[in-house]
Amino acid sequence: MVISMAAYEIIFGIVLIILAVAISALVLLQEGNSQGLSGTIAGGAETFFGKNKGRTMEAKLVKLTKFIGIAFFVIALAAKIITTIF
């Protein structure tokens, strides 16, 4: 039994592996929410719509993680559709 993979299957696989590693690294770089309930009761100074919140490195990491997550899903879906067609 000979199993052959088309070039597009190899390319999709490599891209998905790279995106998976990138998502893992970005999630590990983000800070955790260690305040918990005490931060809520004390009225944390930093709110979602706080001044310069969108410009911090943490906010950029969150946006990049969302973008790469969406790209991962779209590419995985496209790979599945293309491999079932061909």
Protein backbone atom coordinates (compact mmCIF):
# COMPACT_ATOMS: atom_id res chain seq x y z
CA MET A 1 0.00 0.00 0.00
CA VAL A 2 1.53 3.26 -1.14
CA ILE A 3 0.46 6.44 0.59
CA SER A 4 1.23 9.56 -1.34
CA MET A 5 0.52 13.09 -0.22
CA ALA A 6 -0.08 15.90 -2.61
CA ALA A 7 1.98 19.06 -2.33
CA TYR A 8 -0.98 21.08 -1.04
CA GLU A 9 -1.51 18.61 1.82
CA ILE A 10 2.12 19.02 2.88
CA ILE A 11 1.90 22.81 2.63
CA PHE A 12 -1.33 22.92 4.67
CA GLY A 13 0.25 20.65 7.28
CA ILE A 14 3.37 22.78 7.63
CA VAL A 15 1.34 26.01 7.87
CA LEU A 16 -0.95 24.49 10.51
CA ILE A 17 2.01 23.31 12.59
CA ILE A 18 3.60 26.77 12.44
CA LEU A 19 0.32 28.44 13.44
CA ALA A 20 -0.19 25.97 16.30
CA VAL A 21 3.28 26.71 17.69
CA ALA A 22 2.65 30.45 17.30
CA ILE A 23 -0.66 30.24 19.18
CA SER A 24 0.98 28.27 21.98
CA ALA A 25 3.83 30.77 22.29
CA LEU A 26 1.49 33.77 22.28
CA VAL A 27 -0.73 32.29 24.96
CA LEU A 28 2.29 31.58 27.15
CA LEU A 29 3.57 35.15 26.70
CA GLN A 30 0.32 36.68 27.95
CA GLU A 31 -0.10 37.67 31.58
CA GLY A 32 -2.59 35.81 33.72
CA ASN A 33 -5.53 37.35 35.54
CA SER A 34 -4.14 36.85 39.03
CA GLN A 35 -6.34 39.46 40.71
CA GLY A 36 -9.35 37.19 40.83
CA LEU A 37 -12.25 38.20 43.04
CA SER A 38 -10.22 40.58 45.21
CA GLY A 39 -9.48 42.77 42.19
CA THR A 40 -13.18 42.96 41.42
CA ILE A 41 -14.17 43.88 44.96
CA ALA A 42 -11.42 46.46 45.31
CA GLY A 43 -12.48 48.06 42.04
CA GLY A 44 -9.45 47.45 39.88
CA ALA A 45 -7.99 50.64 38.44
CA GLU A 46 -7.63 49.17 34.98
CA THR A 47 -10.87 48.72 33.06
CA PHE A 48 -11.50 47.38 29.61
CA PHE A 49 -12.07 50.84 28.19
CA GLY A 50 -9.27 52.40 30.21
CA LYS A 51 -6.93 55.01 28.81
CA ASN A 52 -4.20 53.53 26.58
CA LYS A 53 -5.47 49.99 27.22
CA GLY A 54 -5.43 49.19 23.49
CA ARG A 55 -1.83 50.32 23.12
CA THR A 56 -0.21 48.03 25.67
CA MET A 57 1.87 45.04 24.70
CA GLU A 58 -0.66 42.76 26.40
CA ALA A 59 -3.47 44.11 24.21
CA LYS A 60 -1.35 43.58 21.10
CA LEU A 61 -0.64 39.99 22.13
CA VAL A 62 -4.36 39.36 22.65
CA LYS A 63 -5.22 40.78 19.22
CA LEU A 64 -2.46 38.78 17.54
CA THR A 65 -3.61 35.60 19.29
CA LYS A 66 -7.18 36.13 18.05
CA PHE A 67 -5.97 36.80 14.50
CA ILE A 68 -3.77 33.70 14.39
CA GLY A 69 -6.53 31.59 15.97
CA ILE A 70 -8.97 32.64 13.28
CA ALA A 71 -6.35 32.00 10.57
CA PHE A 72 -5.70 28.53 12.02
CA PHE A 73 -9.41 27.68 11.92
CA VAL A 74 -9.89 28.99 8.38
CA ILE A 75 -6.84 27.16 7.03
CA ALA A 76 -7.82 23.91 8.76
CA LEU A 77 -11.32 24.17 7.31
CA ALA A 78 -9.96 24.96 3.85
CA ALA A 79 -7.55 22.04 4.06
CA LYS A 80 -10.36 19.67 4.97
CA ILE A 81 -12.59 20.91 2.16
CA ILE A 82 -9.82 20.76 -0.44
CA THR A 83 -8.65 17.28 0.58
CA THR A 84 -12.19 15.89 0.41
CA ILE A 85 -12.73 17.38 -3.05
CA PHE A 86 -9.48 16.09 -4.51
